[in-house]
Amino acid sequence: MTRTDKVAVIILGAAAGLAIARYFKMPAEERKEFCDHLKNRTFELLDNAEETVEKIEQGMSDFKEKRDNEWIDKLYAVKKTIKSLYGSDKHFLL
């Protein structure tokens, strides 16, 4: 594993840990609202499967365009893809 791979793993791990910690600090009502948003959005993505596949393919092509040592840019490509799939006006974990 290269140095940049290790840095990317640390960043992703820290982001996941922070998201989990913030989720459990949310009030119960807000947690339910967040879970409902994820569930409803997932159903929307499944109902529009063709559009969803196109969004994911575009995100993966953006990811693959980056060189192996451009992990920060790859992370931005993943973030952009996830935001296009599950983003909302309300930022639940921020």
PDB file of N, CA and C in Angstrom:
ATOM      1  N   MET A   1       0.860  -1.172   0.000  1.00  0.00           N
ATOM      2  CA  MET A   1       0.000   0.000   0.000  1.00  0.00           C
ATOM      3  C   MET A   1       0.904   1.232   0.000  1.00  0.00           C
ATOM      4  N   THR A   2       0.646   2.135  -0.923  1.00  0.00           N
ATOM      5  CA  THR A   2       1.468   3.335  -1.025  1.00  0.00           C
ATOM      6  C   THR A   2       1.077   4.340   0.051  1.00  0.00           C
ATOM      7  N   ARG A   3       1.898   5.347   0.173  1.00  0.00           N
ATOM      8  CA  ARG A   3       1.646   6.381   1.179  1.00  0.00           C
ATOM      9  C   ARG A   3       0.316   7.088   0.931  1.00  0.00           C
ATOM     10  N   THR A   4       0.028   7.413  -0.332  1.00  0.00           N
ATOM     11  CA  THR A   4      -1.230   8.095  -0.640  1.00  0.00           C
ATOM     12  C   THR A   4      -2.432   7.199  -0.366  1.00  0.00           C
ATOM     13  N   ASP A   5      -2.274   5.887  -0.594  1.00  0.00           N
ATOM     14  CA  ASP A   5      -3.365   4.953  -0.264  1.00  0.00           C
ATOM     15  C   ASP A   5      -3.638   4.970   1.237  1.00  0.00           C
ATOM     16  N   LYS A   6      -2.583   4.989   2.029  1.00  0.00           N
ATOM     17  CA  LYS A   6      -2.737   5.010   3.486  1.00  0.00           C
ATOM     18  C   LYS A   6      -3.423   6.294   3.948  1.00  0.00           C
ATOM     19  N   VAL A   7      -3.035   7.418   3.349  1.00  0.00           N
ATOM     20  CA  VAL A   7      -3.656   8.702   3.698  1.00  0.00           C
ATOM     21  C   VAL A   7      -5.138   8.676   3.328  1.00  0.00           C
ATOM     22  N   ALA A   8      -5.462   8.128   2.154  1.00  0.00           N
ATOM     23  CA  ALA A   8      -6.861   8.045   1.730  1.00  0.00           C
ATOM     24  C   ALA A   8      -7.672   7.170   2.678  1.00  0.00           C
ATOM     25  N   VAL A   9      -7.111   6.061   3.115  1.00  0.00           N
ATOM     26  CA  VAL A   9      -7.812   5.172   4.049  1.00  0.00           C
ATOM     27  C   VAL A   9      -8.050   5.881   5.375  1.00  0.00           C
ATOM     28  N   ILE A  10      -7.072   6.618   5.839  1.00  0.00           N
ATOM     29  CA  ILE A  10      -7.222   7.358   7.101  1.00  0.00           C
ATOM     30  C   ILE A  10      -8.321   8.415   6.971  1.00  0.00           C
ATOM     31  N   ILE A  11      -8.329   9.143   5.862  1.00  0.00           N
ATOM     32  CA  ILE A  11      -9.341  10.185   5.647  1.00  0.00           C
ATOM     33  C   ILE A  11     -10.738   9.561   5.577  1.00  0.00           C
ATOM     34  N   LEU A  12     -10.886   8.488   4.814  1.00  0.00           N
ATOM     35  CA  LEU A  12     -12.193   7.836   4.702  1.00  0.00           C
ATOM     36  C   LEU A  12     -12.647   7.263   6.040  1.00  0.00           C
ATOM     37  N   GLY A  13     -11.728   6.671   6.780  1.00  0.00           N
ATOM     38  CA  GLY A  13     -12.065   6.136   8.096  1.00  0.00           C
ATOM     39  C   GLY A  13     -12.496   7.222   9.060  1.00  0.00           C
ATOM     40  N   ALA A  14     -11.784   8.326   9.039  1.00  0.00           N
ATOM     41  CA  ALA A  14     -12.140   9.444   9.918  1.00  0.00           C
ATOM     42  C   ALA A  14     -13.503  10.015   9.540  1.00  0.00           C
ATOM     43  N   ALA A  15     -13.768  10.142   8.253  1.00  0.00           N
ATOM     44  CA  ALA A  15     -15.062  10.665   7.808  1.00  0.00           C
ATOM     45  C   ALA A  15     -16.197   9.729   8.220  1.00  0.00           C
ATOM     46  N   ALA A  16     -15.989   8.430   8.068  1.00  0.00           N
ATOM     47  CA  ALA A  16     -17.016   7.461   8.470  1.00  0.00           C
ATOM     48  C   ALA A  16     -17.237   7.511   9.980  1.00  0.00           C
ATOM     49  N   GLY A  17     -16.159   7.584  10.745  1.00  0.00           N
ATOM     50  CA  GLY A  17     -16.278   7.669  12.201  1.00  0.00           C
ATOM     51  C   GLY A  17     -17.007   8.923  12.634  1.00  0.00           C
ATOM     52  N   LEU A  18     -16.698  10.030  12.014  1.00  0.00           N
ATOM     53  CA  LEU A  18     -17.368  11.293  12.330  1.00  0.00           C
ATOM     54  C   LEU A  18     -18.852  11.224  11.990  1.00  0.00           C
ATOM     55  N   ALA A  19     -19.177  10.652  10.838  1.00  0.00           N
ATOM     56  CA  ALA A  19     -20.582  10.533  10.446  1.00  0.00           C
ATOM     57  C   ALA A  19     -21.351   9.662  11.436  1.00  0.00           C
ATOM     58  N   ILE A  20     -20.765   8.572  11.866  1.00  0.00           N
ATOM     59  CA  ILE A  20     -21.428   7.692  12.837  1.00  0.00           C
ATOM     60  C   ILE A  20     -21.623   8.411  14.166  1.00  0.00           C
ATOM     61  N   ALA A  21     -20.592   9.105  14.618  1.00  0.00           N
ATOM     62  CA  ALA A  21     -20.702   9.832  15.884  1.00  0.00           C
ATOM     63  C   ALA A  21     -21.786  10.905  15.812  1.00  0.00           C
ATOM     64  N   ARG A  22     -21.837  11.641  14.709  1.00  0.00           N
ATOM     65  CA  ARG A  22     -22.860  12.686  14.572  1.00  0.00           C
ATOM     66  C   ARG A  22     -24.261  12.096  14.467  1.00  0.00           C
ATOM     67  N   TYR A  23     -24.370  10.950  13.819  1.00  0.00           N
ATOM     68  CA  TYR A  23     -25.673  10.298  13.707  1.00  0.00           C
ATOM     69  C   TYR A  23     -26.213   9.953  15.091  1.00  0.00           C
ATOM     70  N   PHE A  24     -25.374   9.381  15.933  1.00  0.00           N
ATOM     71  CA  PHE A  24     -25.834   8.970  17.251  1.00  0.00           C
ATOM     72  C   PHE A  24     -26.025  10.138  18.217  1.00  0.00           C
ATOM     73  N   LYS A  25     -25.485  11.307  17.884  1.00  0.00           N
ATOM     74  CA  LYS A  25     -25.721  12.495  18.703  1.00  0.00           C
ATOM     75  C   LYS A  25     -26.988  13.239  18.291  1.00  0.00           C
ATOM     76  N   MET A  26     -27.565  12.850  17.151  1.00  0.00           N
ATOM     77  CA  MET A  26     -28.803  13.494  16.693  1.00  0.00           C
ATOM     78  C   MET A  26     -29.955  13.145  17.629  1.00  0.00           C
ATOM     79  N   PRO A  27     -30.908  14.060  17.763  1.00  0.00           N
ATOM     80  CA  PRO A  27     -32.140  13.701  18.489  1.00  0.00           C
ATOM     81  C   PRO A  27     -32.875  12.589  17.725  1.00  0.00           C
ATOM     82  N   ALA A  28     -33.671  11.826  18.434  1.00  0.00           N
ATOM     83  CA  ALA A  28     -34.367  10.682  17.836  1.00  0.00           C
ATOM     84  C   ALA A  28     -35.225  11.092  16.636  1.00  0.00           C
ATOM     85  N   GLU A  29     -35.895  12.240  16.744  1.00  0.00           N
ATOM     86  CA  GLU A  29     -36.746  12.703  15.639  1.00  0.00           C
ATOM     87  C   GLU A  29     -35.924  12.990  14.389  1.00  0.00           C
ATOM     88  N   GLU A  30     -34.771  13.622  14.581  1.00  0.00           N
ATOM     89  CA  GLU A  30     -33.920  13.951  13.439  1.00  0.00           C
ATOM     90  C   GLU A  30     -33.324  12.685  12.826  1.00  0.00           C
ATOM     91  N   ARG A  31     -32.961  11.707  13.672  1.00  0.00           N
ATOM     92  CA  ARG A  31     -32.462  10.431  13.155  1.00  0.00           C
ATOM     93  C   ARG A  31     -33.520   9.747  12.297  1.00  0.00           C
ATOM     94  N   LYS A  32     -34.770   9.768  12.791  1.00  0.00           N
ATOM     95  CA  LYS A  32     -35.857   9.151  12.028  1.00  0.00           C
ATOM     96  C   LYS A  32     -36.054   9.877  10.700  1.00  0.00           C
ATOM     97  N   GLU A  33     -36.000  11.205  10.733  1.00  0.00           N
ATOM     98  CA  GLU A  33     -36.138  11.994   9.504  1.00  0.00           C
ATOM     99  C   GLU A  33     -35.022  11.653   8.514  1.00  0.00           C
ATOM    100  N   PHE A  34     -33.795  11.512   9.018  1.00  0.00           N
ATOM    101  CA  PHE A  34     -32.648  11.171   8.178  1.00  0.00           C
ATOM    102  C   PHE A  34     -32.838   9.786   7.560  1.00  0.00           C
ATOM    103  N   CYS A  35     -33.229   8.808   8.367  1.00  0.00           N
ATOM    104  CA  CYS A  35     -33.443   7.450   7.856  1.00  0.00           C
ATOM    105  C   CYS A  35     -34.579   7.425   6.843  1.00  0.00           C
ATOM    106  N   ASP A  36     -35.637   8.178   7.109  1.00  0.00           N
ATOM    107  CA  ASP A  36     -36.746   8.266   6.155  1.00  0.00           C
ATOM    108  C   ASP A  36     -36.281   8.875   4.835  1.00  0.00           C
ATOM    109  N   HIS A  37     -35.441   9.904   4.917  1.00  0.00           N
ATOM    110  CA  HIS A  37     -34.896  10.517   3.700  1.00  0.00           C
ATOM    111  C   HIS A  37     -34.098   9.488   2.904  1.00  0.00           C
ATOM    112  N   LEU A  38     -33.224   8.737   3.576  1.00  0.00           N
ATOM    113  CA  LEU A  38     -32.422   7.721   2.883  1.00  0.00           C
ATOM    114  C   LEU A  38     -33.309   6.655   2.254  1.00  0.00           C
ATOM    115  N   LYS A  39     -34.308   6.207   2.995  1.00  0.00           N
ATOM    116  CA  LYS A  39     -35.209   5.172   2.491  1.00  0.00           C
ATOM    117  C   LYS A  39     -36.000   5.684   1.287  1.00  0.00           C
ATOM    118  N   ASN A  40     -36.581   6.867   1.407  1.00  0.00           N
ATOM    119  CA  ASN A  40     -37.376   7.422   0.302  1.00  0.00           C
ATOM    120  C   ASN A  40     -36.527   7.688  -0.932  1.00  0.00           C
ATOM    121  N   ARG A  41     -35.330   8.213  -0.696  1.00  0.00           N
ATOM    122  CA  ARG A  41     -34.437   8.507  -1.822  1.00  0.00           C
ATOM    123  C   ARG A  41     -33.999   7.217  -2.509  1.00  0.00           C
ATOM    124  N   THR A  42     -33.754   6.164  -1.731  1.00  0.00           N
ATOM    125  CA  THR A  42     -33.375   4.881  -2.313  1.00  0.00           C
ATOM    126  C   THR A  42     -34.505   4.341  -3.182  1.00  0.00           C
ATOM    127  N   PHE A  43     -35.749   4.448  -2.705  1.00  0.00           N
ATOM    128  CA  PHE A  43     -36.889   4.007  -3.511  1.00  0.00           C
ATOM    129  C   PHE A  43     -36.993   4.817  -4.799  1.00  0.00           C
ATOM    130  N   GLU A  44     -36.746   6.125  -4.721  1.00  0.00           N
ATOM    131  CA  GLU A  44     -36.760   6.960  -5.923  1.00  0.00           C
ATOM    132  C   GLU A  44     -35.685   6.509  -6.906  1.00  0.00           C
ATOM    133  N   LEU A  45     -34.485   6.214  -6.381  1.00  0.00           N
ATOM    134  CA  LEU A  45     -33.395   5.762  -7.247  1.00  0.00           C
ATOM    135  C   LEU A  45     -33.734   4.431  -7.907  1.00  0.00           C
ATOM    136  N   LEU A  46     -34.388   3.546  -7.164  1.00  0.00           N
ATOM    137  CA  LEU A  46     -34.788   2.260  -7.727  1.00  0.00           C
ATOM    138  C   LEU A  46     -35.887   2.427  -8.778  1.00  0.00           C
ATOM    139  N   ASP A  47     -36.819   3.339  -8.530  1.00  0.00           N
ATOM    140  CA  ASP A  47     -37.880   3.588  -9.502  1.00  0.00           C
ATOM    141  C   ASP A  47     -37.331   4.162 -10.802  1.00  0.00           C
ATOM    142  N   ASN A  48     -36.272   4.932 -10.711  1.00  0.00           N
ATOM    143  CA  ASN A  48     -35.617   5.536 -11.878  1.00  0.00           C
ATOM    144  C   ASN A  48     -34.261   4.867 -12.116  1.00  0.00           C
ATOM    145  N   ALA A  49     -34.275   3.550 -12.210  1.00  0.00           N
ATOM    146  CA  ALA A  49     -33.039   2.773 -12.264  1.00  0.00           C
ATOM    147  C   ALA A  49     -32.127   3.179 -13.426  1.00  0.00           C
ATOM    148  N   GLU A  50     -32.714   3.447 -14.580  1.00  0.00           N
ATOM    149  CA  GLU A  50     -31.900   3.799 -15.739  1.00  0.00           C
ATOM    150  C   GLU A  50     -31.128   5.100 -15.494  1.00  0.00           C
ATOM    151  N   GLU A  51     -31.794   6.094 -14.946  1.00  0.00           N
ATOM    152  CA  GLU A  51     -31.146   7.372 -14.619  1.00  0.00           C
ATOM    153  C   GLU A  51     -30.086   7.184 -13.531  1.00  0.00           C
ATOM    154  N   THR A  52     -30.398   6.338 -12.554  1.00  0.00           N
ATOM    155  CA  THR A  52     -29.456   6.074 -11.469  1.00  0.00           C
ATOM    156  C   THR A  52     -28.182   5.436 -12.005  1.00  0.00           C
ATOM    157  N   VAL A  53     -28.336   4.460 -12.895  1.00  0.00           N
ATOM    158  CA  VAL A  53     -27.175   3.787 -13.484  1.00  0.00           C
ATOM    159  C   VAL A  53     -26.327   4.791 -14.254  1.00  0.00           C
ATOM    160  N   GLU A  54     -26.969   5.695 -14.980  1.00  0.00           N
ATOM    161  CA  GLU A  54     -26.225   6.720 -15.727  1.00  0.00           C
ATOM    162  C   GLU A  54     -25.426   7.614 -14.780  1.00  0.00           C
ATOM    163  N   LYS A  55     -26.038   8.018 -13.652  1.00  0.00           N
ATOM    164  CA  LYS A  55     -25.331   8.856 -12.678  1.00  0.00           C
ATOM    165  C   LYS A  55     -24.132   8.119 -12.098  1.00  0.00           C
ATOM    166  N   ILE A  56     -24.314   6.846 -11.785  1.00  0.00           N
ATOM    167  CA  ILE A  56     -23.219   6.067 -11.206  1.00  0.00           C
ATOM    168  C   ILE A  56     -22.120   5.852 -12.234  1.00  0.00           C
ATOM    169  N   GLU A  57     -22.490   5.556 -13.466  1.00  0.00           N
ATOM    170  CA  GLU A  57     -21.487   5.381 -14.518  1.00  0.00           C
ATOM    171  C   GLU A  57     -20.695   6.667 -14.738  1.00  0.00           C
ATOM    172  N   GLN A  58     -21.375   7.807 -14.712  1.00  0.00           N
ATOM    173  CA  GLN A  58     -20.681   9.092 -14.862  1.00  0.00           C
ATOM    174  C   GLN A  58     -19.715   9.309 -13.702  1.00  0.00           C
ATOM    175  N   GLY A  59     -20.175   9.022 -12.486  1.00  0.00           N
ATOM    176  CA  GLY A  59     -19.303   9.170 -11.316  1.00  0.00           C
ATOM    177  C   GLY A  59     -18.095   8.260 -11.380  1.00  0.00           C
ATOM    178  N   MET A  60     -18.291   7.020 -11.820  1.00  0.00           N
ATOM    179  CA  MET A  60     -17.171   6.083 -11.922  1.00  0.00           C
ATOM    180  C   MET A  60     -16.206   6.484 -13.030  1.00  0.00           C
ATOM    181  N   SER A  61     -16.721   7.049 -14.117  1.00  0.00           N
ATOM    182  CA  SER A  61     -15.811   7.501 -15.167  1.00  0.00           C
ATOM    183  C   SER A  61     -14.996   8.706 -14.680  1.00  0.00           C
ATOM    184  N   ASP A  62     -15.623   9.598 -13.885  1.00  0.00           N
ATOM    185  CA  ASP A  62     -14.868  10.706 -13.284  1.00  0.00           C
ATOM    186  C   ASP A  62     -13.789  10.167 -12.361  1.00  0.00           C
ATOM    187  N   PHE A  63     -14.123   9.127 -11.592  1.00  0.00           N
ATOM    188  CA  PHE A  63     -13.177   8.509 -10.671  1.00  0.00           C
ATOM    189  C   PHE A  63     -12.012   7.878 -11.439  1.00  0.00           C
ATOM    190  N   LYS A  64     -12.318   7.152 -12.501  1.00  0.00           N
ATOM    191  CA  LYS A  64     -11.286   6.445 -13.268  1.00  0.00           C
ATOM    192  C   LYS A  64     -10.388   7.390 -14.047  1.00  0.00           C
ATOM    193  N   GLU A  65     -10.882   8.591 -14.372  1.00  0.00           N
ATOM    194  CA  GLU A  65     -10.070   9.567 -15.102  1.00  0.00           C
ATOM    195  C   GLU A  65      -8.874  10.048 -14.279  1.00  0.00           C
ATOM    196  N   LYS A  66      -9.011   9.991 -12.972  1.00  0.00           N
ATOM    197  CA  LYS A  66      -7.935  10.452 -12.096  1.00  0.00           C
ATOM    198  C   LYS A  66      -6.832   9.401 -12.056  1.00  0.00           C
ATOM    199  N   ARG A  67      -5.607   9.859 -11.929  1.00  0.00           N
ATOM    200  CA  ARG A  67      -4.484   8.929 -11.833  1.00  0.00           C
ATOM    201  C   ARG A  67      -4.467   8.284 -10.455  1.00  0.00           C
ATOM    202  N   ASP A  68      -3.700   7.221 -10.319  1.00  0.00           N
ATOM    203  CA  ASP A  68      -3.653   6.471  -9.060  1.00  0.00           C
ATOM    204  C   ASP A  68      -3.194   7.314  -7.887  1.00  0.00           C
ATOM    205  N   ASN A  69      -2.363   8.309  -8.120  1.00  0.00           N
ATOM    206  CA  ASN A  69      -1.837   9.114  -7.011  1.00  0.00           C
ATOM    207  C   ASN A  69      -2.682  10.364  -6.734  1.00  0.00           C
ATOM    208  N   GLU A  70      -3.807  10.506  -7.383  1.00  0.00           N
ATOM    209  CA  GLU A  70      -4.669  11.672  -7.188  1.00  0.00           C
ATOM    210  C   GLU A  70      -5.855  11.309  -6.293  1.00  0.00           C
ATOM    211  N   TRP A  71      -5.567  10.865  -5.073  1.00  0.00           N
ATOM    212  CA  TRP A  71      -6.624  10.387  -4.177  1.00  0.00           C
ATOM    213  C   TRP A  71      -7.572  11.484  -3.729  1.00  0.00           C
ATOM    214  N   ILE A  72      -7.073  12.670  -3.543  1.00  0.00           N
ATOM    215  CA  ILE A  72      -7.953  13.759  -3.132  1.00  0.00           C
ATOM    216  C   ILE A  72      -8.987  14.024  -4.219  1.00  0.00           C
ATOM    217  N   ASP A  73      -8.545  14.053  -5.468  1.00  0.00           N
ATOM    218  CA  ASP A  73      -9.468  14.260  -6.583  1.00  0.00           C
ATOM    219  C   ASP A  73     -10.444  13.093  -6.716  1.00  0.00           C
ATOM    220  N   LYS A  74      -9.956  11.885  -6.442  1.00  0.00           N
ATOM    221  CA  LYS A  74     -10.840  10.717  -6.484  1.00  0.00           C
ATOM    222  C   LYS A  74     -11.898  10.808  -5.386  1.00  0.00           C
ATOM    223  N   LEU A  75     -11.492  11.265  -4.212  1.00  0.00           N
ATOM    224  CA  LEU A  75     -12.456  11.426  -3.123  1.00  0.00           C
ATOM    225  C   LEU A  75     -13.521  12.455  -3.486  1.00  0.00           C
ATOM    226  N   TYR A  76     -13.117  13.555  -4.135  1.00  0.00           N
ATOM    227  CA  TYR A  76     -14.086  14.551  -4.578  1.00  0.00           C
ATOM    228  C   TYR A  76     -15.059  13.965  -5.604  1.00  0.00           C
ATOM    229  N   ALA A  77     -14.553  13.104  -6.493  1.00  0.00           N
ATOM    230  CA  ALA A  77     -15.422  12.468  -7.486  1.00  0.00           C
ATOM    231  C   ALA A  77     -16.448  11.566  -6.803  1.00  0.00           C
ATOM    232  N   VAL A  78     -16.018  10.823  -5.780  1.00  0.00           N
ATOM    233  CA  VAL A  78     -16.944   9.962  -5.034  1.00  0.00           C
ATOM    234  C   VAL A  78     -17.963  10.816  -4.282  1.00  0.00           C
ATOM    235  N   LYS A  79     -17.491  11.885  -3.648  1.00  0.00           N
ATOM    236  CA  LYS A  79     -18.383  12.774  -2.908  1.00  0.00           C
ATOM    237  C   LYS A  79     -19.444  13.366  -3.831  1.00  0.00           C
ATOM    238  N   LYS A  80     -19.021  13.795  -5.011  1.00  0.00           N
ATOM    239  CA  LYS A  80     -19.941  14.379  -5.978  1.00  0.00           C
ATOM    240  C   LYS A  80     -21.002  13.356  -6.402  1.00  0.00           C
ATOM    241  N   THR A  81     -20.579  12.113  -6.612  1.00  0.00           N
ATOM    242  CA  THR A  81     -21.515  11.064  -7.012  1.00  0.00           C
ATOM    243  C   THR A  81     -22.528  10.777  -5.912  1.00  0.00           C
ATOM    244  N   ILE A  82     -22.053  10.632  -4.681  1.00  0.00           N
ATOM    245  CA  ILE A  82     -22.952  10.353  -3.564  1.00  0.00           C
ATOM    246  C   ILE A  82     -23.906  11.520  -3.343  1.00  0.00           C
ATOM    247  N   LYS A  83     -23.377  12.738  -3.475  1.00  0.00           N
ATOM    248  CA  LYS A  83     -24.227  13.923  -3.292  1.00  0.00           C
ATOM    249  C   LYS A  83     -25.298  13.999  -4.373  1.00  0.00           C
ATOM    250  N   SER A  84     -24.956  13.617  -5.601  1.00  0.00           N
ATOM    251  CA  SER A  84     -25.958  13.649  -6.665  1.00  0.00           C
ATOM    252  C   SER A  84     -27.030  12.587  -6.446  1.00  0.00           C
ATOM    253  N   LEU A  85     -26.665  11.491  -5.767  1.00  0.00           N
ATOM    254  CA  LEU A  85     -27.640  10.430  -5.506  1.00  0.00           C
ATOM    255  C   LEU A  85     -28.482  10.708  -4.270  1.00  0.00           C
ATOM    256  N   TYR A  86     -27.842  11.143  -3.177  1.00  0.00           N
ATOM    257  CA  TYR A  86     -28.542  11.257  -1.898  1.00  0.00           C
ATOM    258  C   TYR A  86     -28.584  12.659  -1.312  1.00  0.00           C
ATOM    259  N   GLY A  87     -28.087  13.642  -2.028  1.00  0.00           N
ATOM    260  CA  GLY A  87     -28.056  14.998  -1.500  1.00  0.00           C
ATOM    261  C   GLY A  87     -29.454  15.569  -1.285  1.00  0.00           C
ATOM    262  N   SER A  88     -29.549  16.490  -0.350  1.00  0.00           N
ATOM    263  CA  SER A  88     -30.826  17.168  -0.094  1.00  0.00           C
ATOM    264  C   SER A  88     -30.545  18.588   0.363  1.00  0.00           C
ATOM    265  N   ASP A  89     -31.591  19.359   0.486  1.00  0.00           N
ATOM    266  CA  ASP A  89     -31.435  20.728   0.953  1.00  0.00           C
ATOM    267  C   ASP A  89     -30.985  20.765   2.411  1.00  0.00           C
ATOM    268  N   LYS A  90     -31.418  19.788   3.167  1.00  0.00           N
ATOM    269  CA  LYS A  90     -31.032  19.724   4.576  1.00  0.00           C
ATOM    270  C   LYS A  90     -29.781  18.853   4.707  1.00  0.00           C
ATOM    271  N   HIS A  91     -28.775  19.371   5.378  1.00  0.00           N
ATOM    272  CA  HIS A  91     -27.546  18.628   5.601  1.00  0.00           C
ATOM    273  C   HIS A  91     -27.651  17.945   6.971  1.00  0.00           C
ATOM    274  N   PHE A  92     -27.949  16.677   6.941  1.00  0.00           N
ATOM    275  CA  PHE A  92     -28.214  15.958   8.183  1.00  0.00           C
ATOM    276  C   PHE A  92     -26.972  15.784   9.044  1.00  0.00           C
ATOM    277  N   LEU A  93     -25.854  15.442   8.445  1.00  0.00           N
ATOM    278  CA  LEU A  93     -24.663  15.112   9.235  1.00  0.00           C
ATOM    279  C   LEU A  93     -23.677  16.253   9.320  1.00  0.00           C
ATOM    280  N   LEU A  94     -23.976  17.384   8.731  1.00  0.00           N
ATOM    281  CA  LEU A  94     -23.037  18.507   8.767  1.00  0.00           C
ATOM    282  C   LEU A  94     -23.477  19.541   9.771  1.00  0.00           C
TER     283      LEU A  94
END
